[in-house]
Amino acid sequence: MLFTLISRLVIYRPLFSLAESFTDNVIRDTVDEPARGGIVWCELAGGYVTHSGIYTGNNRIVHLSGDGEVLCSDRKGFMARLNGLNPAMSVYTDCQGRLPVGNIAAAGRALRALGSRRQYHLLKENCHSFTAECLTGRPDNAVVLHRQLKRLQRGNTWRVWED
């Protein structure tokens, strides 16, 4: 049973991701640019994993890389995780209705962390915990999962950041 479920996920998830990407880029509402200090995220590894960061303006996203360094990347660089094996096509941002939601304090915290290094750990200190720290100002937050980060969202919808 478990093997069957896993094999179906491995086979069908890429097809689902393709359909979801089409929906995101053709049907779903988009935004021209996230708000400064807004949460941004993308799917990695065919949608099995997500990556998050803080938008700081001028097409720049501050995020924690898998080697523990806090980096500033453009949209394309943010999506290019996993040594180029990432099929991410969309970056999402939090919105209140149709308008992106930002947090200037979060942007400032993210920029101050640039270049610092952390003990990266997938289940204890990852990109979601870094993003939550920027939003809340609390390094001791318990956020390690994408769904936990989404609970901190100040808006009520996620929209695709149109390129």
C-alpha atoms as a PDB file:
ATOM      1  CA  MET A   1       0.000   0.000   0.000  1.00  0.00           C
ATOM      2  CA  LEU A   2       2.683   2.509   1.020  1.00  0.00           C
ATOM      3  CA  PHE A   3       4.845   1.546  -1.956  1.00  0.00           C
ATOM      4  CA  THR A   4       1.889   2.052  -4.302  1.00  0.00           C
ATOM      5  CA  LEU A   5       1.160   5.486  -2.843  1.00  0.00           C
ATOM      6  CA  ILE A   6       4.798   6.589  -3.082  1.00  0.00           C
ATOM      7  CA  SER A   7       5.162   5.301  -6.646  1.00  0.00           C
ATOM      8  CA  ARG A   8       2.001   7.177  -7.676  1.00  0.00           C
ATOM      9  CA  LEU A   9       3.342  10.389  -6.145  1.00  0.00           C
ATOM     10  CA  VAL A  10       6.660   9.993  -7.958  1.00  0.00           C
ATOM     11  CA  ILE A  11       4.924   9.316 -11.277  1.00  0.00           C
ATOM     12  CA  TYR A  12       2.003  11.748 -11.101  1.00  0.00           C
ATOM     13  CA  ARG A  13       3.474  14.694  -9.163  1.00  0.00           C
ATOM     14  CA  PRO A  14       5.444  16.049 -12.179  1.00  0.00           C
ATOM     15  CA  LEU A  15       2.254  15.975 -14.284  1.00  0.00           C
ATOM     16  CA  PHE A  16       0.351  17.698 -11.480  1.00  0.00           C
ATOM     17  CA  SER A  17       3.119  20.328 -11.199  1.00  0.00           C
ATOM     18  CA  LEU A  18       2.918  21.020 -14.929  1.00  0.00           C
ATOM     19  CA  ALA A  19      -0.867  21.476 -14.721  1.00  0.00           C
ATOM     20  CA  GLU A  20      -0.499  23.616 -11.602  1.00  0.00           C
ATOM     21  CA  SER A  21       2.132  25.793 -13.293  1.00  0.00           C
ATOM     22  CA  PHE A  22      -0.186  26.313 -16.274  1.00  0.00           C
ATOM     23  CA  THR A  23      -2.981  27.311 -13.888  1.00  0.00           C
ATOM     24  CA  ASP A  24      -0.660  29.671 -11.993  1.00  0.00           C
ATOM     25  CA  ASN A  25       0.618  31.436 -15.082  1.00  0.00           C
ATOM     26  CA  VAL A  26      -2.528  31.534 -17.221  1.00  0.00           C
ATOM     27  CA  ILE A  27      -5.575  31.442 -14.930  1.00  0.00           C
ATOM     28  CA  ARG A  28      -4.606  32.504 -11.386  1.00  0.00           C
ATOM     29  CA  ASP A  29      -4.405  36.174 -10.456  1.00  0.00           C
ATOM     30  CA  THR A  30      -0.905  37.590 -10.473  1.00  0.00           C
ATOM     31  CA  VAL A  31       0.980  40.551  -9.042  1.00  0.00           C
ATOM     32  CA  ASP A  32       3.588  42.642 -10.835  1.00  0.00           C
ATOM     33  CA  GLU A  33       5.859  42.720  -7.779  1.00  0.00           C
ATOM     34  CA  PRO A  34       5.690  41.600  -4.134  1.00  0.00           C
ATOM     35  CA  ALA A  35       5.577  44.264  -1.440  1.00  0.00           C
ATOM     36  CA  ARG A  36       8.832  45.091   0.336  1.00  0.00           C
ATOM     37  CA  GLY A  37       9.124  42.733   3.308  1.00  0.00           C
ATOM     38  CA  GLY A  38       6.599  40.266   1.881  1.00  0.00           C
ATOM     39  CA  ILE A  39       6.926  36.491   2.108  1.00  0.00           C
ATOM     40  CA  VAL A  40       7.892  34.822  -1.157  1.00  0.00           C
ATOM     41  CA  TRP A  41       8.141  31.105  -1.833  1.00  0.00           C
ATOM     42  CA  CYS A  42       8.490  28.585  -4.639  1.00  0.00           C
ATOM     43  CA  GLU A  43       8.176  24.841  -5.022  1.00  0.00           C
ATOM     44  CA  LEU A  44      11.270  22.687  -5.401  1.00  0.00           C
ATOM     45  CA  ALA A  45      11.855  19.071  -6.374  1.00  0.00           C
ATOM     46  CA  GLY A  46       8.633  18.709  -8.306  1.00  0.00           C
ATOM     47  CA  GLY A  47       6.546  20.245  -5.533  1.00  0.00           C
ATOM     48  CA  TYR A  48       7.735  17.956  -2.731  1.00  0.00           C
ATOM     49  CA  VAL A  49       9.675  20.771  -1.029  1.00  0.00           C
ATOM     50  CA  THR A  50       9.283  24.553  -0.832  1.00  0.00           C
ATOM     51  CA  HIS A  51      11.793  27.376  -0.449  1.00  0.00           C
ATOM     52  CA  SER A  52      10.963  30.726   1.156  1.00  0.00           C
ATOM     53  CA  GLY A  53      12.476  34.150   1.717  1.00  0.00           C
ATOM     54  CA  ILE A  54      11.744  37.848   2.181  1.00  0.00           C
ATOM     55  CA  TYR A  55      11.324  40.239  -0.735  1.00  0.00           C
ATOM     56  CA  THR A  56      13.441  43.363  -0.167  1.00  0.00           C
ATOM     57  CA  GLY A  57      12.579  45.338  -3.302  1.00  0.00           C
ATOM     58  CA  ASN A  58      14.206  45.809  -6.711  1.00  0.00           C
ATOM     59  CA  ASN A  59      13.777  42.133  -7.704  1.00  0.00           C
ATOM     60  CA  ARG A  60      15.841  40.996  -4.684  1.00  0.00           C
ATOM     61  CA  ILE A  61      15.005  38.198  -2.241  1.00  0.00           C
ATOM     62  CA  VAL A  62      16.937  37.463   0.943  1.00  0.00           C
ATOM     63  CA  HIS A  63      16.856  33.776   1.857  1.00  0.00           C
ATOM     64  CA  LEU A  64      18.769  31.073   3.708  1.00  0.00           C
ATOM     65  CA  SER A  65      20.592  28.693   1.387  1.00  0.00           C
ATOM     66  CA  GLY A  66      21.011  24.977   2.038  1.00  0.00           C
ATOM     67  CA  ASP A  67      24.631  25.499   3.075  1.00  0.00           C
ATOM     68  CA  GLY A  68      23.606  27.923   5.833  1.00  0.00           C
ATOM     69  CA  GLU A  69      24.499  31.227   4.181  1.00  0.00           C
ATOM     70  CA  VAL A  70      22.019  34.112   4.050  1.00  0.00           C
ATOM     71  CA  LEU A  71      21.988  35.207   0.409  1.00  0.00           C
ATOM     72  CA  CYS A  72      20.394  37.903  -1.702  1.00  0.00           C
ATOM     73  CA  SER A  73      19.196  36.659  -5.090  1.00  0.00           C
ATOM     74  CA  ASP A  74      17.059  37.830  -7.939  1.00  0.00           C
ATOM     75  CA  ARG A  75      13.876  35.913  -8.704  1.00  0.00           C
ATOM     76  CA  LYS A  76      15.588  33.502 -11.081  1.00  0.00           C
ATOM     77  CA  GLY A  77      18.424  32.792  -8.637  1.00  0.00           C
ATOM     78  CA  PHE A  78      15.935  32.245  -5.822  1.00  0.00           C
ATOM     79  CA  MET A  79      14.184  29.539  -7.846  1.00  0.00           C
ATOM     80  CA  ALA A  80      17.441  27.905  -8.987  1.00  0.00           C
ATOM     81  CA  ARG A  81      18.016  25.693  -5.966  1.00  0.00           C
ATOM     82  CA  LEU A  82      19.118  22.052  -5.835  1.00  0.00           C
ATOM     83  CA  ASN A  83      22.079  22.526  -8.204  1.00  0.00           C
ATOM     84  CA  GLY A  84      19.862  23.485 -11.115  1.00  0.00           C
ATOM     85  CA  LEU A  85      17.589  20.442 -10.827  1.00  0.00           C
ATOM     86  CA  ASN A  86      14.670  22.574  -9.722  1.00  0.00           C
ATOM     87  CA  PRO A  87      11.696  22.802 -12.081  1.00  0.00           C
ATOM     88  CA  ALA A  88      10.146  25.760 -10.193  1.00  0.00           C
ATOM     89  CA  MET A  89       8.258  28.018 -12.534  1.00  0.00           C
ATOM     90  CA  SER A  90       6.360  30.293 -10.162  1.00  0.00           C
ATOM     91  CA  VAL A  91       7.147  32.436  -7.157  1.00  0.00           C
ATOM     92  CA  TYR A  92       4.225  33.198  -4.844  1.00  0.00           C
ATOM     93  CA  THR A  93       3.730  36.154  -2.514  1.00  0.00           C
ATOM     94  CA  ASP A  94       1.221  36.915   0.220  1.00  0.00           C
ATOM     95  CA  CYS A  95      -1.588  39.329  -0.586  1.00  0.00           C
ATOM     96  CA  GLN A  96      -4.563  40.956   1.073  1.00  0.00           C
ATOM     97  CA  GLY A  97      -7.185  40.603  -1.615  1.00  0.00           C
ATOM     98  CA  ARG A  98      -5.379  41.700  -4.784  1.00  0.00           C
ATOM     99  CA  LEU A  99      -2.626  43.742  -3.119  1.00  0.00           C
ATOM    100  CA  PRO A 100       0.733  42.317  -1.958  1.00  0.00           C
ATOM    101  CA  VAL A 101       1.362  42.625   1.787  1.00  0.00           C
ATOM    102  CA  GLY A 102       4.722  43.817   3.077  1.00  0.00           C
ATOM    103  CA  ASN A 103       6.561  44.392   6.333  1.00  0.00           C
ATOM    104  CA  ILE A 104       9.346  46.991   6.280  1.00  0.00           C
ATOM    105  CA  ALA A 105      10.762  45.674   9.575  1.00  0.00           C
ATOM    106  CA  ALA A 106      11.031  42.166   8.061  1.00  0.00           C
ATOM    107  CA  ALA A 107      12.893  43.558   5.041  1.00  0.00           C
ATOM    108  CA  GLY A 108      15.309  45.378   7.364  1.00  0.00           C
ATOM    109  CA  ARG A 109      15.951  42.240   9.438  1.00  0.00           C
ATOM    110  CA  ALA A 110      16.552  40.219   6.274  1.00  0.00           C
ATOM    111  CA  LEU A 111      19.024  42.769   4.889  1.00  0.00           C
ATOM    112  CA  ARG A 112      20.921  42.951   8.200  1.00  0.00           C
ATOM    113  CA  ALA A 113      21.329  39.159   8.139  1.00  0.00           C
ATOM    114  CA  LEU A 114      22.899  39.175   4.655  1.00  0.00           C
ATOM    115  CA  GLY A 115      26.219  37.328   4.512  1.00  0.00           C
ATOM    116  CA  SER A 116      25.774  35.689   7.905  1.00  0.00           C
ATOM    117  CA  ARG A 117      26.051  31.935   8.316  1.00  0.00           C
ATOM    118  CA  ARG A 118      23.845  29.570  10.287  1.00  0.00           C
ATOM    119  CA  GLN A 119      23.883  25.921  11.285  1.00  0.00           C
ATOM    120  CA  TYR A 120      21.490  24.802   8.562  1.00  0.00           C
ATOM    121  CA  HIS A 121      19.350  21.827   9.519  1.00  0.00           C
ATOM    122  CA  LEU A 122      16.391  20.664   7.447  1.00  0.00           C
ATOM    123  CA  LEU A 123      14.212  20.038  10.513  1.00  0.00           C
ATOM    124  CA  LYS A 124      15.490  22.717  12.924  1.00  0.00           C
ATOM    125  CA  GLU A 125      16.991  25.726  11.140  1.00  0.00           C
ATOM    126  CA  ASN A 126      15.923  26.103   7.522  1.00  0.00           C
ATOM    127  CA  CYS A 127      14.713  28.757   5.082  1.00  0.00           C
ATOM    128  CA  HIS A 128      11.238  28.813   6.653  1.00  0.00           C
ATOM    129  CA  SER A 129      12.598  29.430  10.159  1.00  0.00           C
ATOM    130  CA  PHE A 130      14.814  32.213   8.756  1.00  0.00           C
ATOM    131  CA  THR A 131      11.839  33.804   6.969  1.00  0.00           C
ATOM    132  CA  ALA A 132       9.730  33.560  10.147  1.00  0.00           C
ATOM    133  CA  GLU A 133      12.566  35.153  12.145  1.00  0.00           C
ATOM    134  CA  CYS A 134      12.611  38.090   9.730  1.00  0.00           C
ATOM    135  CA  LEU A 135       8.834  38.489  10.060  1.00  0.00           C
ATOM    136  CA  THR A 136       8.589  38.159  13.832  1.00  0.00           C
ATOM    137  CA  GLY A 137      12.001  39.327  15.016  1.00  0.00           C
ATOM    138  CA  ARG A 138      12.251  36.109  17.051  1.00  0.00           C
ATOM    139  CA  PRO A 139      15.174  33.790  16.286  1.00  0.00           C
ATOM    140  CA  ASP A 140      13.699  31.197  18.662  1.00  0.00           C
ATOM    141  CA  ASN A 141      10.555  30.654  16.574  1.00  0.00           C
ATOM    142  CA  ALA A 142       9.384  27.081  16.084  1.00  0.00           C
ATOM    143  CA  VAL A 143       8.661  27.437  12.356  1.00  0.00           C
ATOM    144  CA  VAL A 144      10.333  24.768  10.218  1.00  0.00           C
ATOM    145  CA  LEU A 145       7.523  23.782   7.834  1.00  0.00           C
ATOM    146  CA  HIS A 146       6.015  25.741   4.980  1.00  0.00           C
ATOM    147  CA  ARG A 147       2.507  25.361   6.377  1.00  0.00           C
ATOM    148  CA  GLN A 148       3.682  26.883   9.689  1.00  0.00           C
ATOM    149  CA  LEU A 149       5.150  29.837   7.803  1.00  0.00           C
ATOM    150  CA  LYS A 150       1.887  30.309   5.914  1.00  0.00           C
ATOM    151  CA  ARG A 151       0.098  30.739   9.264  1.00  0.00           C
ATOM    152  CA  LEU A 152       2.208  33.869   9.832  1.00  0.00           C
ATOM    153  CA  GLN A 153       0.912  35.285   6.566  1.00  0.00           C
ATOM    154  CA  ARG A 154      -0.657  38.650   7.100  1.00  0.00           C
ATOM    155  CA  GLY A 155      -2.701  38.484   3.920  1.00  0.00           C
ATOM    156  CA  ASN A 156      -5.328  36.008   2.952  1.00  0.00           C
ATOM    157  CA  THR A 157      -4.272  34.831  -0.501  1.00  0.00           C
ATOM    158  CA  TRP A 158      -1.160  33.735  -2.356  1.00  0.00           C
ATOM    159  CA  ARG A 159      -0.656  35.155  -5.822  1.00  0.00           C
ATOM    160  CA  VAL A 160       1.918  34.424  -8.486  1.00  0.00           C
ATOM    161  CA  TRP A 161       4.633  37.025  -8.982  1.00  0.00           C
ATOM    162  CA  GLU A 162       4.473  37.605 -12.707  1.00  0.00           C
ATOM    163  CA  ASP A 163       7.802  37.916 -14.460  1.00  0.00           C
END
